[in-house]
Protein backbone atom coordinates (compact mmCIF):
# COMPACT_ATOMS: atom_id res chain seq x y z
CA UNK A 1 0.00 0.00 0.00
CA UNK A 2 2.93 2.34 0.64
CA UNK A 3 3.81 2.18 -3.07
CA UNK A 4 0.25 3.18 -3.92
CA UNK A 5 0.46 6.21 -1.66
CA UNK A 6 3.80 7.19 -3.16
CA UNK A 7 2.62 6.67 -6.72
CA UNK A 8 -0.49 8.85 -6.33
CA UNK A 9 1.28 11.23 -3.91
CA UNK A 10 -1.28 10.71 -1.15
CA UNK A 11 -0.73 11.33 2.56
CA UNK A 12 -3.06 8.46 3.54
CA UNK A 13 -5.43 5.93 2.02
CA UNK A 14 -8.52 7.78 0.79
CA UNK A 15 -10.98 4.88 0.96
CA UNK A 16 -11.85 2.60 3.83
CA UNK A 17 -14.93 0.72 5.05
CA UNK A 18 -13.97 1.57 8.64
CA UNK A 19 -16.96 3.52 10.06
CA UNK A 20 -14.86 5.95 12.05
CA UNK A 21 -12.44 7.04 9.33
CA UNK A 22 -14.34 9.82 7.54
CA UNK A 23 -17.94 10.83 7.10
CA UNK A 24 -19.32 12.04 3.78
CA UNK A 25 -22.88 13.32 3.87
CA UNK A 26 -24.60 12.64 0.58
CA UNK A 27 -28.21 13.56 -0.06
CA UNK A 28 -29.47 10.39 1.66
CA UNK A 29 -27.27 10.96 4.74
CA UNK A 30 -28.33 14.59 5.08
CA UNK A 31 -32.00 13.65 4.84
CA UNK A 32 -31.66 10.81 7.37
CA UNK A 33 -29.76 12.96 9.89
CA UNK A 34 -32.32 15.77 9.61
CA UNK A 35 -35.17 13.33 10.22
CA UNK A 36 -33.37 11.73 13.18
CA UNK A 37 -32.67 15.13 14.75
CA UNK A 38 -36.29 16.20 14.27
CA UNK A 39 -37.58 13.01 15.90
CA UNK A 40 -35.19 13.17 18.87
CA UNK A 41 -35.94 16.84 19.48
CA UNK A 42 -39.47 15.81 20.51
CA UNK A 43 -38.24 12.79 22.53
CA UNK A 44 -39.46 10.18 20.07
CA UNK A 45 -39.03 6.88 21.90
CA UNK A 46 -37.54 4.93 18.99
CA UNK A 47 -36.11 5.89 15.62
CA UNK A 48 -35.49 2.98 13.27
CA UNK A 49 -32.91 3.67 10.56
CA UNK A 50 -33.79 1.20 7.83
CA UNK A 51 -31.04 0.56 5.30
CA UNK A 52 -29.78 -1.97 2.81
CA UNK A 53 -26.45 -3.65 3.59
CA UNK A 54 -23.30 -1.56 2.90
CA UNK A 55 -25.12 1.76 2.57
CA UNK A 56 -23.12 3.37 5.37
CA UNK A 57 -25.50 3.13 8.33
CA UNK A 58 -22.65 2.35 10.77
CA UNK A 59 -20.76 5.43 9.61
CA UNK A 60 -23.92 7.49 10.08
CA UNK A 61 -24.33 6.27 13.67
CA UNK A 62 -20.65 6.98 14.42
CA UNK A 63 -21.24 10.54 13.25
CA UNK A 64 -24.20 10.88 15.60
CA UNK A 65 -22.08 9.74 18.56
CA UNK A 66 -20.31 13.10 18.46
CA UNK A 67 -23.62 15.00 18.61
CA UNK A 68 -24.10 17.06 21.75
CA UNK A 69 -27.45 18.52 20.87
CA UNK A 70 -30.54 17.93 18.76
CA UNK A 71 -32.12 21.31 18.16
CA UNK A 72 -32.47 22.89 21.61
CA UNK A 73 -32.03 19.52 23.32
CA UNK A 74 -28.79 18.58 25.07
CA UNK A 75 -28.01 14.93 24.37
CA UNK A 76 -25.66 12.22 25.56
CA UNK A 77 -25.22 9.71 22.73
CA UNK A 78 -23.86 6.24 23.45
CA UNK A 79 -23.36 3.55 20.81
CA UNK A 80 -23.23 -0.23 20.96
CA UNK A 81 -21.76 -2.44 18.26
CA UNK A 82 -23.52 -5.78 17.77
CA UNK A 83 -20.33 -7.38 16.47
CA UNK A 84 -18.77 -6.91 19.93
CA UNK A 85 -21.88 -7.82 21.95
CA UNK A 86 -22.19 -11.59 22.23
CA UNK A 87 -24.67 -11.45 25.11
CA UNK A 88 -26.71 -8.99 27.15
CA UNK A 89 -23.90 -8.39 29.66
CA UNK A 90 -21.47 -7.30 26.93
CA UNK A 91 -24.10 -4.91 25.55
CA UNK A 92 -24.55 -3.46 29.04
CA UNK A 93 -20.78 -3.07 29.40
CA UNK A 94 -20.66 -1.00 26.21
CA UNK A 95 -23.48 1.19 27.53
CA UNK A 96 -21.92 1.70 30.94
CA UNK A 97 -18.60 2.73 29.40
CA UNK A 98 -20.39 5.12 27.07
CA UNK A 99 -22.27 6.72 29.98
CA UNK A 100 -19.15 6.98 32.10
CA UNK A 101 -20.14 4.45 34.77
CA UNK A 102 -17.04 3.22 36.57
CA UNK A 103 -17.42 -0.36 37.76
CA UNK A 104 -14.97 0.27 40.62
CA UNK A 105 -16.79 3.26 42.07
CA UNK A 106 -20.37 3.57 40.87
CA UNK A 107 -20.97 -0.17 41.15
CA UNK A 108 -19.98 -2.71 43.76
CA UNK A 109 -16.48 -4.01 43.10
CA UNK A 110 -16.17 -7.26 41.10
CA UNK A 111 -19.80 -7.15 39.94
CA UNK A 112 -20.60 -5.90 36.44
CA UNK A 113 -23.12 -3.11 36.02
CA UNK A 114 -26.69 -4.08 35.25
CA UNK A 115 -29.71 -2.23 33.89
CA UNK A 116 -30.48 -0.70 37.30
CA UNK A 117 -27.19 1.21 37.22
CA UNK A 118 -27.89 2.20 33.64
CA UNK A 119 -31.30 3.59 34.54
CA UNK A 120 -29.87 5.47 37.53
CA UNK A 121 -27.25 7.06 35.26
CA UNK A 122 -29.87 7.97 32.66
CA UNK A 123 -32.14 9.47 35.33
CA UNK A 124 -29.21 11.49 36.69
CA UNK A 125 -28.54 12.91 33.22
CA UNK A 126 -32.24 13.73 32.83
CA UNK A 127 -32.14 15.76 36.06
CA UNK A 128 -29.28 17.71 34.46
CA UNK A 129 -31.60 18.32 31.48
CA UNK A 130 -29.59 15.96 29.25
CA UNK A 131 -31.44 13.38 27.18
CA UNK A 132 -29.78 9.99 26.60
CA UNK A 133 -29.75 8.53 23.09
CA UNK A 134 -28.77 4.89 22.59
CA UNK A 135 -27.45 4.25 19.08
CA UNK A 136 -27.82 0.55 18.27
CA UNK A 137 -25.62 -0.65 15.41
CA UNK A 138 -27.12 -4.08 14.79
CA UNK A 139 -30.19 -5.63 16.37
CA UNK A 140 -29.49 -8.96 18.06
CA UNK A 141 -31.08 -11.15 20.71
CA UNK A 142 -28.76 -9.57 23.29
CA UNK A 143 -29.85 -6.06 22.32
CA UNK A 144 -33.53 -7.05 22.45
CA UNK A 145 -33.00 -8.52 25.92
CA UNK A 146 -31.52 -5.26 27.23
CA UNK A 147 -34.26 -3.24 25.54
CA UNK A 148 -36.92 -5.35 27.25
CA UNK A 149 -35.33 -4.91 30.68
CA UNK A 150 -35.26 -1.13 30.15
CA UNK A 151 -38.75 -0.81 28.71
CA UNK A 152 -39.91 1.37 31.64
CA UNK A 153 -37.03 3.84 31.37
CA UNK A 154 -38.61 7.13 30.28
CA UNK A 155 -35.55 9.29 29.68
CA UNK A 156 -33.92 7.46 26.79
CA UNK A 157 -34.45 7.38 23.04
CA UNK A 158 -33.26 4.63 20.74
CA UNK A 159 -31.81 4.94 17.25
CA UNK A 160 -31.79 1.44 15.81
CA UNK A 161 -30.07 0.44 12.58
CA UNK A 162 -32.08 -2.40 11.07
CA UNK A 163 -32.83 -4.11 7.78
CA UNK A 164 -36.38 -4.37 6.49
CA UNK A 165 -36.59 -7.95 7.79
CA UNK A 166 -35.40 -6.95 11.26
CA UNK A 167 -37.91 -4.11 11.44
CA UNK A 168 -40.78 -6.59 11.21
CA UNK A 169 -39.38 -8.55 14.15
CA UNK A 170 -38.76 -5.64 16.50
CA UNK A 171 -41.09 -5.79 19.50
CA UNK A 172 -40.18 -2.19 20.35
CA UNK A 173 -41.64 -1.02 17.06
CA UNK A 174 -44.94 -2.77 17.78
CA UNK A 175 -45.35 -1.69 21.40
CA UNK A 176 -44.33 1.96 21.52
CA UNK A 177 -44.21 5.09 19.41
CA UNK A 178 -41.53 5.00 16.75
CA UNK A 179 -40.37 6.74 13.61
CA UNK A 180 -38.84 5.00 10.59
CA UNK A 181 -36.07 6.77 8.68
CA UNK A 182 -34.84 5.22 5.46
CA UNK A 183 -31.18 5.63 4.51
CA UNK A 184 -30.93 5.38 0.74
CA UNK A 185 -28.11 4.94 -1.73
CA UNK A 186 -25.76 7.52 -3.21
CA UNK A 187 -26.95 9.43 -6.24
CA UNK A 188 -24.57 9.79 -9.19
CA UNK A 189 -23.73 13.29 -7.95
CA UNK A 190 -23.05 11.95 -4.45
CA UNK A 191 -20.67 9.36 -5.91
CA UNK A 192 -18.76 12.01 -7.87
CA UNK A 193 -18.44 14.28 -4.81
CA UNK A 194 -17.53 11.40 -2.50
CA UNK A 195 -14.68 10.28 -4.78
CA UNK A 196 -13.26 13.75 -5.35
CA UNK A 197 -13.46 14.78 -1.68
CA UNK A 198 -12.01 11.47 -0.50
CA UNK A 199 -8.99 11.97 -2.74
CA UNK A 200 -8.41 15.69 -2.21
CA UNK A 201 -8.60 15.47 1.60
CA UNK A 202 -5.42 13.30 1.50
CA UNK A 203 -3.63 15.50 -1.02
CA UNK A 204 -4.66 13.83 -4.27
CA UNK A 205 -5.77 15.36 -7.55
CA UNK A 206 -9.49 16.02 -7.87
CA UNK A 207 -9.34 14.58 -11.40
CA UNK A 208 -7.62 11.35 -10.30
CA UNK A 209 -10.65 9.35 -11.54
CA UNK A 210 -11.63 9.78 -15.18
CA UNK A 211 -15.29 11.00 -15.50
CA UNK A 212 -16.34 7.76 -17.22
CA UNK A 213 -14.61 5.78 -14.47
CA UNK A 214 -16.71 7.69 -11.93
CA UNK A 215 -19.85 6.75 -13.85
CA UNK A 216 -18.80 3.12 -13.88
CA UNK A 217 -18.03 3.10 -10.17
CA UNK A 218 -21.50 4.41 -9.48
CA UNK A 219 -23.07 1.81 -11.76
CA UNK A 220 -21.12 -1.15 -10.37
CA UNK A 221 -21.63 -0.13 -6.74
CA UNK A 222 -25.29 0.68 -7.21
CA UNK A 223 -24.76 3.73 -5.02
CA UNK A 224 -23.84 1.62 -1.96
CA UNK A 225 -20.94 3.39 -0.29
CA UNK A 226 -19.39 0.22 1.17
CA UNK A 227 -19.05 -1.36 -2.28
CA UNK A 228 -18.01 1.95 -3.81
CA UNK A 229 -15.16 2.36 -1.30
CA UNK A 230 -13.93 -1.19 -1.92
CA UNK A 231 -13.95 -0.82 -5.70
CA UNK A 232 -12.32 2.63 -5.60
CA UNK A 233 -9.53 1.43 -3.30
CA UNK A 234 -8.81 -1.58 -5.51
CA UNK A 235 -8.85 0.55 -8.66
CA UNK A 236 -6.11 2.79 -7.25
CA UNK A 237 -3.91 -0.26 -6.71
CA UNK A 238 -4.53 -1.65 -10.21
CA UNK A 239 -4.02 1.70 -11.94
CA UNK A 240 -0.74 2.25 -10.06
CA UNK A 241 0.52 -1.18 -11.14
CA UNK A 242 -0.21 -0.27 -14.75
CA UNK A 243 1.52 3.10 -14.29
CA UNK A 244 -1.56 5.01 -15.42
CA UNK A 245 -1.78 8.76 -14.92
CA UNK A 246 -5.48 8.56 -14.15
CA UNK A 247 -7.88 5.80 -13.11
CA UNK A 248 -9.52 4.84 -16.40
CA UNK A 249 -12.80 2.99 -17.13
CA UNK A 250 -11.05 -0.24 -18.13
CA UNK A 251 -9.55 -0.45 -14.63
CA UNK A 252 -13.00 -0.17 -13.03
CA UNK A 253 -14.38 -2.93 -15.27
CA UNK A 254 -11.47 -5.20 -14.36
CA UNK A 255 -11.78 -4.55 -10.62
CA UNK A 256 -15.55 -5.07 -10.69
CA UNK A 257 -15.15 -8.38 -12.54
CA UNK A 258 -12.63 -9.61 -9.94
CA UNK A 259 -14.95 -8.57 -7.11
CA UNK A 260 -17.86 -10.45 -8.70
CA UNK A 261 -15.71 -13.55 -9.19
CA UNK A 262 -14.62 -13.52 -5.53
CA UNK A 263 -18.20 -13.30 -4.29
CA UNK A 264 -19.23 -16.19 -6.55
CA UNK A 265 -16.35 -18.42 -5.43
């Protein structure tokens, strides 16, 4: 990868599927964030962010973690990652860390925090006029278990990332007020801006991708940012190997074909 950076004269890799690396707000992201903020400003109990796979919902939630206010509302956002929560206790541990609960002081030593400590912390924040927002990146049995145990907690809102199938199975959605926000795919304009901004922020040329290559990247990715990032990163490697001065359409076609072959294998 170092050779790729040197070849294109970049200070860092411009594309990554890591949620915390960089946030680009396309039209779908801007719309979703505005709807989420509007819902939380009136203490909507549950906001379900419905998205197709690899459309950037994790990146969107990571962006919301840094939010300290929704309109005139002071918020404390805490996020849990389903990939690191094998059971209810691990989900609770993520929440307690996010809310600043110290297991050695706020909780009896050698016993992990439970939902009672969580509710006490949330109630304390509410008395300080701070509303707690739990961002749930992945709905699992463990998450549903914690949600059930906290069903009577009044001072918390949930922002749940879920697929269409998961939405139908969510008991929270059937038993309390909720708002559904749909996170869509990139438009062609979003794709163009995402590619150029990703490259220029690490010192690259805005015209590094040929216009027809941009069109092809949008077509092959279908506007899904996770696939787009993967294809764009691979195309930089291939174009550098061929000593091209610009990423051309033939490179995109080759990279897309390899990606398709790997998925079929």
